[in-house]
């Protein structure tokens, strides 16, 4: 059994004046809001790498998943090009978000606006071993792919 590493705090460095550290909107929220450090404007179909102005120190065994905000997606068609974005525990650079405008109207965000969320998740990193044949799975699916389990 794999146990999640204990995380009592997330170390954050603010790299730009006016940037805000990741924070939860409400107690109990899973995701931490990420805010843009400067304004950004996106025409329909356009994408941009948006700086957050912060860096974080994830502990070993914990990854950060950068996820879109459902409100921005539903109201404006704003998503993340590489959703989810992955922050490895050894990365110490500025967090940046690759936004894309899938909507029909231009979109603009001001410095400080919430643009994405960060979810911290434990992960396993076993050694990789090449074998001639894989062990059987728990059912009879075998190599059956998409749709093999029915409707």
N, C-alpha and C. Protein backbone atom coordinates (compact mmCIF):
# COMPACT_ATOMS: atom_id res chain seq x y z
N UNK A 1 0.84 -1.18 0.00
CA UNK A 1 0.00 0.00 0.00
C UNK A 1 0.89 1.25 0.00
N UNK A 2 0.52 2.22 -0.80
CA UNK A 2 1.25 3.48 -0.87
C UNK A 2 0.54 4.49 0.01
N UNK A 3 1.30 5.18 0.83
CA UNK A 3 0.71 6.21 1.68
C UNK A 3 1.13 7.58 1.16
N UNK A 4 0.23 8.53 1.28
CA UNK A 4 0.51 9.89 0.83
C UNK A 4 1.48 10.56 1.79
N UNK A 5 2.45 11.30 1.25
CA UNK A 5 3.37 12.03 2.13
C UNK A 5 2.62 13.11 2.91
N UNK A 6 3.04 13.33 4.13
CA UNK A 6 2.43 14.38 4.95
C UNK A 6 2.92 15.74 4.46
N UNK A 7 1.98 16.64 4.23
CA UNK A 7 2.32 17.99 3.78
C UNK A 7 1.66 18.97 4.74
N UNK A 8 2.46 19.59 5.58
CA UNK A 8 1.92 20.55 6.53
C UNK A 8 1.87 21.96 5.97
N UNK A 9 2.77 22.24 5.00
CA UNK A 9 2.79 23.57 4.41
C UNK A 9 3.39 23.49 3.01
N UNK A 10 3.08 24.50 2.22
CA UNK A 10 3.64 24.63 0.89
C UNK A 10 4.50 25.88 0.88
N UNK A 11 5.78 25.72 0.64
CA UNK A 11 6.67 26.87 0.58
C UNK A 11 6.49 27.58 -0.75
N UNK A 12 6.33 28.91 -0.69
CA UNK A 12 6.08 29.74 -1.86
C UNK A 12 7.02 30.94 -1.81
N UNK A 13 7.60 31.26 -2.95
CA UNK A 13 8.38 32.49 -3.09
C UNK A 13 7.66 33.39 -4.08
N UNK A 14 7.44 34.65 -3.69
CA UNK A 14 6.84 35.64 -4.58
C UNK A 14 7.97 36.29 -5.36
N UNK A 15 7.94 36.15 -6.69
CA UNK A 15 9.04 36.58 -7.54
C UNK A 15 8.86 37.97 -8.14
N UNK A 16 7.63 38.47 -8.13
CA UNK A 16 7.33 39.76 -8.75
C UNK A 16 6.49 40.60 -7.79
N UNK A 17 6.73 41.87 -7.80
CA UNK A 17 5.93 42.77 -6.97
C UNK A 17 4.47 42.68 -7.39
N UNK A 18 3.59 42.54 -6.43
CA UNK A 18 2.16 42.46 -6.70
C UNK A 18 1.65 41.05 -6.96
N UNK A 19 2.53 40.09 -7.17
CA UNK A 19 2.09 38.71 -7.38
C UNK A 19 1.52 38.17 -6.07
N UNK A 20 0.60 37.24 -6.18
CA UNK A 20 -0.04 36.67 -5.00
C UNK A 20 0.23 35.18 -4.91
N UNK A 21 0.51 34.69 -3.71
CA UNK A 21 0.75 33.25 -3.57
C UNK A 21 -0.52 32.45 -3.86
N UNK A 22 -0.37 31.18 -4.23
CA UNK A 22 -1.55 30.33 -4.42
C UNK A 22 -2.35 30.28 -3.12
N UNK A 23 -3.66 30.29 -3.24
CA UNK A 23 -4.51 30.22 -2.05
C UNK A 23 -5.86 29.61 -2.39
N UNK A 24 -6.48 29.06 -1.37
CA UNK A 24 -7.82 28.48 -1.52
C UNK A 24 -8.85 29.59 -1.38
N UNK A 25 -9.90 29.51 -2.19
CA UNK A 25 -10.99 30.48 -2.08
C UNK A 25 -11.78 30.23 -0.80
N UNK A 26 -12.03 28.94 -0.53
CA UNK A 26 -12.79 28.57 0.66
C UNK A 26 -12.05 27.46 1.42
N UNK A 27 -12.19 27.42 2.74
CA UNK A 27 -11.60 26.30 3.48
C UNK A 27 -12.16 24.98 2.94
N UNK A 28 -11.30 24.00 2.80
CA UNK A 28 -11.72 22.70 2.31
C UNK A 28 -11.62 22.54 0.81
N UNK A 29 -11.38 23.62 0.06
CA UNK A 29 -11.19 23.50 -1.39
C UNK A 29 -9.96 22.64 -1.66
N UNK A 30 -10.02 21.80 -2.68
CA UNK A 30 -8.88 20.96 -3.05
C UNK A 30 -7.82 21.76 -3.79
N UNK A 31 -8.26 22.65 -4.66
CA UNK A 31 -7.33 23.40 -5.50
C UNK A 31 -6.94 24.73 -4.90
N UNK A 32 -5.73 25.14 -5.21
CA UNK A 32 -5.22 26.46 -4.84
C UNK A 32 -5.31 27.35 -6.08
N UNK A 33 -5.90 28.52 -5.95
CA UNK A 33 -6.03 29.42 -7.09
C UNK A 33 -4.67 29.98 -7.49
N UNK A 34 -4.43 29.99 -8.81
CA UNK A 34 -3.25 30.65 -9.37
C UNK A 34 -3.73 31.91 -10.08
N UNK A 35 -3.02 33.00 -9.85
CA UNK A 35 -3.41 34.30 -10.41
C UNK A 35 -2.34 34.80 -11.38
N UNK A 36 -2.76 35.56 -12.38
CA UNK A 36 -1.77 36.08 -13.32
C UNK A 36 -1.04 37.26 -12.69
N UNK A 37 0.24 37.36 -13.01
CA UNK A 37 1.08 38.42 -12.46
C UNK A 37 0.96 39.71 -13.26
N UNK A 38 0.50 39.59 -14.49
CA UNK A 38 0.29 40.77 -15.34
C UNK A 38 -0.90 40.49 -16.24
N UNK A 39 -1.47 41.54 -16.79
CA UNK A 39 -2.64 41.38 -17.64
C UNK A 39 -2.32 40.59 -18.90
N UNK A 40 -3.36 39.96 -19.44
CA UNK A 40 -3.23 39.19 -20.67
C UNK A 40 -4.51 39.35 -21.48
N UNK A 41 -4.36 39.44 -22.79
CA UNK A 41 -5.51 39.49 -23.69
C UNK A 41 -5.36 38.37 -24.72
N UNK A 42 -6.45 37.64 -24.94
CA UNK A 42 -6.45 36.52 -25.88
C UNK A 42 -7.58 36.68 -26.88
N UNK A 43 -7.24 36.72 -28.15
CA UNK A 43 -8.25 36.69 -29.19
C UNK A 43 -8.77 35.25 -29.31
N UNK A 44 -9.92 35.04 -29.92
CA UNK A 44 -10.39 33.67 -30.13
C UNK A 44 -9.34 32.84 -30.86
N UNK A 45 -9.09 31.64 -30.32
CA UNK A 45 -8.10 30.74 -30.91
C UNK A 45 -6.67 31.02 -30.49
N UNK A 46 -6.43 32.10 -29.80
CA UNK A 46 -5.07 32.47 -29.40
C UNK A 46 -4.69 31.81 -28.07
N UNK A 47 -3.39 31.59 -27.90
CA UNK A 47 -2.88 31.05 -26.64
C UNK A 47 -1.72 31.93 -26.17
N UNK A 48 -1.44 31.84 -24.87
CA UNK A 48 -0.35 32.62 -24.29
C UNK A 48 0.17 31.93 -23.04
N UNK A 49 1.47 32.06 -22.82
CA UNK A 49 2.08 31.60 -21.57
C UNK A 49 1.96 32.75 -20.59
N UNK A 50 1.27 32.50 -19.48
CA UNK A 50 0.95 33.55 -18.52
C UNK A 50 1.71 33.31 -17.22
N UNK A 51 2.47 34.30 -16.80
CA UNK A 51 3.26 34.21 -15.57
C UNK A 51 2.38 34.38 -14.35
N UNK A 52 2.70 33.63 -13.30
CA UNK A 52 1.99 33.79 -12.03
C UNK A 52 2.79 34.62 -11.04
N UNK A 53 4.09 34.76 -11.26
CA UNK A 53 4.93 35.53 -10.36
C UNK A 53 5.31 34.81 -9.08
N UNK A 54 5.09 33.49 -9.04
CA UNK A 54 5.42 32.71 -7.84
C UNK A 54 6.16 31.44 -8.22
N UNK A 55 6.94 30.95 -7.29
CA UNK A 55 7.59 29.64 -7.38
C UNK A 55 7.24 28.88 -6.12
N UNK A 56 7.20 27.55 -6.22
CA UNK A 56 6.84 26.72 -5.08
C UNK A 56 7.88 25.62 -4.87
N UNK A 57 7.91 25.08 -3.67
CA UNK A 57 8.79 23.96 -3.34
C UNK A 57 7.91 22.79 -2.91
N UNK A 58 7.68 21.88 -3.86
CA UNK A 58 6.91 20.69 -3.54
C UNK A 58 7.81 19.67 -2.86
N UNK A 59 7.29 18.96 -1.87
CA UNK A 59 8.11 17.93 -1.22
C UNK A 59 8.24 16.70 -2.10
N UNK A 60 9.23 15.85 -1.83
CA UNK A 60 9.36 14.60 -2.60
C UNK A 60 8.07 13.78 -2.51
N UNK A 61 7.71 13.15 -3.63
CA UNK A 61 6.51 12.32 -3.65
C UNK A 61 5.23 13.08 -3.91
N UNK A 62 5.32 14.39 -4.15
CA UNK A 62 4.14 15.21 -4.41
C UNK A 62 4.34 15.96 -5.72
N UNK A 63 3.33 15.91 -6.59
CA UNK A 63 3.35 16.66 -7.84
C UNK A 63 2.25 17.70 -7.80
N UNK A 64 2.40 18.73 -8.60
CA UNK A 64 1.36 19.74 -8.75
C UNK A 64 0.71 19.60 -10.11
N UNK A 65 -0.60 19.54 -10.13
CA UNK A 65 -1.34 19.53 -11.40
C UNK A 65 -1.99 20.89 -11.59
N UNK A 66 -1.66 21.55 -12.69
CA UNK A 66 -2.25 22.84 -13.01
C UNK A 66 -3.49 22.57 -13.86
N UNK A 67 -4.63 22.98 -13.34
CA UNK A 67 -5.93 22.66 -13.94
C UNK A 67 -6.68 23.92 -14.33
N UNK A 68 -7.57 23.80 -15.34
CA UNK A 68 -8.37 24.97 -15.72
C UNK A 68 -9.40 25.30 -14.66
N UNK A 69 -9.89 26.51 -14.70
CA UNK A 69 -10.99 26.93 -13.82
C UNK A 69 -12.29 26.72 -14.58
N UNK A 70 -13.23 26.03 -13.96
CA UNK A 70 -14.48 25.70 -14.65
C UNK A 70 -15.27 26.94 -15.02
N UNK A 71 -15.26 27.96 -14.20
CA UNK A 71 -15.99 29.19 -14.51
C UNK A 71 -15.45 29.87 -15.75
N UNK A 72 -14.13 29.94 -15.90
CA UNK A 72 -13.54 30.55 -17.10
C UNK A 72 -13.86 29.72 -18.34
N UNK A 73 -13.87 28.41 -18.18
CA UNK A 73 -14.18 27.54 -19.31
C UNK A 73 -15.64 27.71 -19.73
N UNK A 74 -16.55 27.68 -18.77
CA UNK A 74 -17.98 27.75 -19.08
C UNK A 74 -18.40 29.13 -19.60
N UNK A 75 -17.87 30.18 -19.00
CA UNK A 75 -18.30 31.54 -19.35
C UNK A 75 -17.55 32.12 -20.55
N UNK A 76 -16.28 31.76 -20.72
CA UNK A 76 -15.46 32.41 -21.75
C UNK A 76 -14.77 31.44 -22.71
N UNK A 77 -14.84 30.14 -22.46
CA UNK A 77 -14.14 29.19 -23.31
C UNK A 77 -12.65 29.15 -23.07
N UNK A 78 -12.21 29.56 -21.88
CA UNK A 78 -10.77 29.60 -21.57
C UNK A 78 -10.35 28.26 -20.98
N UNK A 79 -9.31 27.68 -21.55
CA UNK A 79 -8.77 26.41 -21.07
C UNK A 79 -7.26 26.47 -21.00
N UNK A 80 -6.68 25.34 -20.70
CA UNK A 80 -5.23 25.20 -20.67
C UNK A 80 -4.82 24.30 -21.82
N UNK A 81 -3.80 24.70 -22.56
CA UNK A 81 -3.36 23.93 -23.71
C UNK A 81 -2.88 22.56 -23.26
N UNK A 82 -2.13 22.49 -22.19
CA UNK A 82 -1.56 21.23 -21.70
C UNK A 82 -2.23 20.83 -20.39
N UNK A 83 -3.52 20.64 -20.44
CA UNK A 83 -4.25 20.35 -19.21
C UNK A 83 -4.30 18.85 -18.95
N UNK A 84 -3.87 18.41 -17.79
CA UNK A 84 -3.29 19.25 -16.75
C UNK A 84 -1.81 19.50 -17.00
N UNK A 85 -1.36 20.65 -16.57
CA UNK A 85 0.08 20.92 -16.56
C UNK A 85 0.68 20.21 -15.36
N UNK A 86 1.90 19.76 -15.50
CA UNK A 86 2.56 19.01 -14.42
C UNK A 86 3.71 19.80 -13.84
N UNK A 87 3.71 19.95 -12.50
CA UNK A 87 4.83 20.56 -11.79
C UNK A 87 5.52 19.45 -11.00
N UNK A 88 6.74 19.13 -11.39
CA UNK A 88 7.51 18.09 -10.69
C UNK A 88 8.05 18.63 -9.38
N UNK A 89 8.29 17.73 -8.40
CA UNK A 89 8.75 18.20 -7.09
C UNK A 89 10.13 18.85 -7.11
N UNK A 90 10.94 18.61 -8.13
CA UNK A 90 12.26 19.23 -8.16
C UNK A 90 12.28 20.55 -8.93
N UNK A 91 11.14 20.99 -9.47
CA UNK A 91 11.07 22.26 -10.21
C UNK A 91 10.96 23.42 -9.23
N UNK A 92 11.78 24.43 -9.41
CA UNK A 92 11.77 25.60 -8.51
C UNK A 92 11.60 26.92 -9.27
N UNK A 93 11.27 26.85 -10.54
CA UNK A 93 11.09 28.07 -11.33
C UNK A 93 9.70 28.65 -11.17
N UNK A 94 9.48 29.75 -11.87
CA UNK A 94 8.18 30.42 -11.83
C UNK A 94 7.09 29.53 -12.43
N UNK A 95 5.96 29.46 -11.76
CA UNK A 95 4.81 28.75 -12.31
C UNK A 95 4.21 29.61 -13.42
N UNK A 96 4.02 28.99 -14.58
CA UNK A 96 3.40 29.67 -15.71
C UNK A 96 2.28 28.79 -16.24
N UNK A 97 1.27 29.42 -16.78
CA UNK A 97 0.07 28.73 -17.23
C UNK A 97 -0.11 29.01 -18.72
N UNK A 98 -0.34 27.95 -19.51
CA UNK A 98 -0.55 28.12 -20.95
C UNK A 98 -2.06 28.17 -21.21
N UNK A 99 -2.58 29.40 -21.28
CA UNK A 99 -4.01 29.60 -21.51
C UNK A 99 -4.32 29.58 -23.00
N UNK A 100 -5.54 29.15 -23.34
CA UNK A 100 -6.03 29.18 -24.71
C UNK A 100 -7.48 29.66 -24.69
N UNK A 101 -7.82 30.47 -25.68
CA UNK A 101 -9.18 30.97 -25.80
C UNK A 101 -9.93 30.14 -26.84
N UNK A 102 -10.78 29.23 -26.37
CA UNK A 102 -11.61 28.43 -27.26
C UNK A 102 -12.94 29.12 -27.55
N UNK A 103 -13.15 30.29 -26.96
CA UNK A 103 -14.42 31.00 -27.12
C UNK A 103 -14.50 31.76 -28.43
N UNK A 104 -15.62 32.45 -28.59
CA UNK A 104 -15.86 33.22 -29.81
C UNK A 104 -15.56 34.70 -29.64
N UNK A 105 -15.29 35.11 -28.41
CA UNK A 105 -15.04 36.52 -28.10
C UNK A 105 -13.64 36.69 -27.53
N UNK A 106 -13.05 37.88 -27.68
CA UNK A 106 -11.76 38.14 -27.02
C UNK A 106 -11.93 38.01 -25.51
N UNK A 107 -10.85 37.64 -24.85
CA UNK A 107 -10.85 37.49 -23.39
C UNK A 107 -9.69 38.30 -22.83
N UNK A 108 -9.92 38.98 -21.73
CA UNK A 108 -8.86 39.73 -21.06
C UNK A 108 -8.89 39.43 -19.58
N UNK A 109 -7.70 39.26 -19.00
CA UNK A 109 -7.56 39.09 -17.55
C UNK A 109 -6.62 40.18 -17.06
N UNK A 110 -6.92 40.73 -15.90
CA UNK A 110 -6.07 41.74 -15.28
C UNK A 110 -5.10 41.07 -14.32
N UNK A 111 -4.02 41.75 -14.02
CA UNK A 111 -3.09 41.25 -13.00
C UNK A 111 -3.87 40.96 -11.73
N UNK A 112 -3.66 39.77 -11.17
CA UNK A 112 -4.35 39.37 -9.95
C UNK A 112 -5.58 38.52 -10.19
N UNK A 113 -6.05 38.43 -11.44
CA UNK A 113 -7.21 37.58 -11.72
C UNK A 113 -6.83 36.10 -11.60
N UNK A 114 -7.77 35.31 -11.13
CA UNK A 114 -7.57 33.86 -11.04
C UNK A 114 -7.65 33.25 -12.44
N UNK A 115 -6.62 32.49 -12.82
CA UNK A 115 -6.57 31.94 -14.17
C UNK A 115 -6.51 30.42 -14.21
N UNK A 116 -6.15 29.78 -13.13
CA UNK A 116 -6.02 28.33 -13.09
C UNK A 116 -6.02 27.91 -11.63
N UNK A 117 -5.92 26.61 -11.40
CA UNK A 117 -5.80 26.12 -10.03
C UNK A 117 -4.75 25.04 -9.97
N UNK A 118 -4.16 24.92 -8.80
CA UNK A 118 -3.08 23.97 -8.55
C UNK A 118 -3.59 22.92 -7.58
N UNK A 119 -3.51 21.66 -7.99
CA UNK A 119 -3.91 20.54 -7.15
C UNK A 119 -2.66 19.74 -6.80
N UNK A 120 -2.42 19.52 -5.53
CA UNK A 120 -1.25 18.75 -5.08
C UNK A 120 -1.67 17.29 -4.93
N UNK A 121 -0.89 16.40 -5.55
CA UNK A 121 -1.23 14.98 -5.53
C UNK A 121 0.00 14.13 -5.24
N UNK A 122 -0.16 13.08 -4.43
CA UNK A 122 0.95 12.15 -4.23
C UNK A 122 1.10 11.29 -5.48
N UNK A 123 2.30 10.80 -5.71
CA UNK A 123 2.52 9.91 -6.86
C UNK A 123 3.50 8.83 -6.49
N UNK A 124 3.51 7.77 -7.26
CA UNK A 124 4.47 6.69 -7.07
C UNK A 124 5.45 6.73 -8.24
N UNK A 125 6.68 6.35 -7.99
CA UNK A 125 7.73 6.38 -9.02
C UNK A 125 8.53 5.08 -8.95
N UNK A 126 7.92 3.98 -9.38
CA UNK A 126 8.62 2.70 -9.32
C UNK A 126 9.72 2.62 -10.38
N UNK A 127 10.63 1.70 -10.18
CA UNK A 127 11.63 1.42 -11.21
C UNK A 127 10.91 0.81 -12.40
N UNK A 128 11.39 1.10 -13.61
CA UNK A 128 10.80 0.54 -14.81
C UNK A 128 11.56 -0.72 -15.19
N UNK A 129 10.83 -1.80 -15.44
CA UNK A 129 11.45 -3.06 -15.83
C UNK A 129 10.81 -3.55 -17.11
N UNK A 130 11.60 -3.77 -18.13
CA UNK A 130 11.11 -4.30 -19.39
C UNK A 130 10.97 -5.81 -19.25
N UNK A 131 9.79 -6.34 -19.65
CA UNK A 131 9.52 -7.78 -19.57
C UNK A 131 9.06 -8.26 -20.95
N UNK A 132 9.17 -9.55 -21.17
CA UNK A 132 8.73 -10.13 -22.44
C UNK A 132 7.22 -10.20 -22.53
N UNK A 133 6.57 -10.37 -21.38
CA UNK A 133 5.11 -10.49 -21.37
C UNK A 133 4.58 -9.86 -20.09
N UNK A 134 3.47 -9.14 -20.22
CA UNK A 134 2.86 -8.51 -19.06
C UNK A 134 2.06 -9.51 -18.24
N UNK A 135 2.03 -9.29 -16.94
CA UNK A 135 1.19 -10.11 -16.07
C UNK A 135 -0.26 -9.87 -16.46
N UNK A 136 -1.14 -10.87 -16.30
CA UNK A 136 -2.54 -10.68 -16.67
C UNK A 136 -3.20 -9.63 -15.77
N UNK A 137 -4.20 -8.95 -16.34
CA UNK A 137 -4.95 -7.95 -15.58
C UNK A 137 -6.00 -8.61 -14.72
N UNK A 138 -6.79 -7.80 -14.04
CA UNK A 138 -7.81 -8.31 -13.14
C UNK A 138 -9.08 -8.79 -13.82
N UNK A 139 -9.22 -8.56 -15.15
CA UNK A 139 -10.41 -9.03 -15.85
C UNK A 139 -9.99 -9.57 -17.22
N UNK A 140 -10.94 -9.83 -18.08
CA UNK A 140 -10.61 -10.42 -19.37
C UNK A 140 -10.44 -9.40 -20.49
N UNK A 141 -10.27 -8.13 -20.16
CA UNK A 141 -10.14 -7.09 -21.18
C UNK A 141 -8.89 -7.30 -22.02
N UNK A 142 -7.80 -7.68 -21.40
CA UNK A 142 -6.55 -7.86 -22.13
C UNK A 142 -6.10 -6.57 -22.78
N UNK A 143 -5.85 -6.60 -24.09
CA UNK A 143 -5.38 -5.43 -24.82
C UNK A 143 -6.54 -4.61 -25.38
N UNK A 144 -7.80 -4.93 -25.00
CA UNK A 144 -8.96 -4.18 -25.48
C UNK A 144 -8.83 -2.73 -25.08
N UNK A 145 -9.11 -1.84 -26.00
CA UNK A 145 -8.93 -0.41 -25.75
C UNK A 145 -10.22 0.33 -25.52
N UNK A 146 -10.29 1.54 -26.03
CA UNK A 146 -11.47 2.39 -25.86
C UNK A 146 -12.72 1.65 -26.30
N UNK A 147 -13.73 1.69 -25.46
CA UNK A 147 -15.01 1.07 -25.79
C UNK A 147 -15.09 -0.42 -25.54
N UNK A 148 -14.01 -1.05 -25.07
CA UNK A 148 -14.04 -2.50 -24.92
C UNK A 148 -14.88 -2.96 -23.74
N UNK A 149 -15.26 -2.04 -22.85
CA UNK A 149 -16.07 -2.45 -21.70
C UNK A 149 -17.55 -2.19 -21.94
N UNK A 150 -17.91 -1.75 -23.14
CA UNK A 150 -19.32 -1.52 -23.45
C UNK A 150 -19.72 -0.08 -23.27
N UNK A 151 -20.99 0.13 -23.27
CA UNK A 151 -21.55 1.48 -23.23
C UNK A 151 -21.57 2.08 -21.86
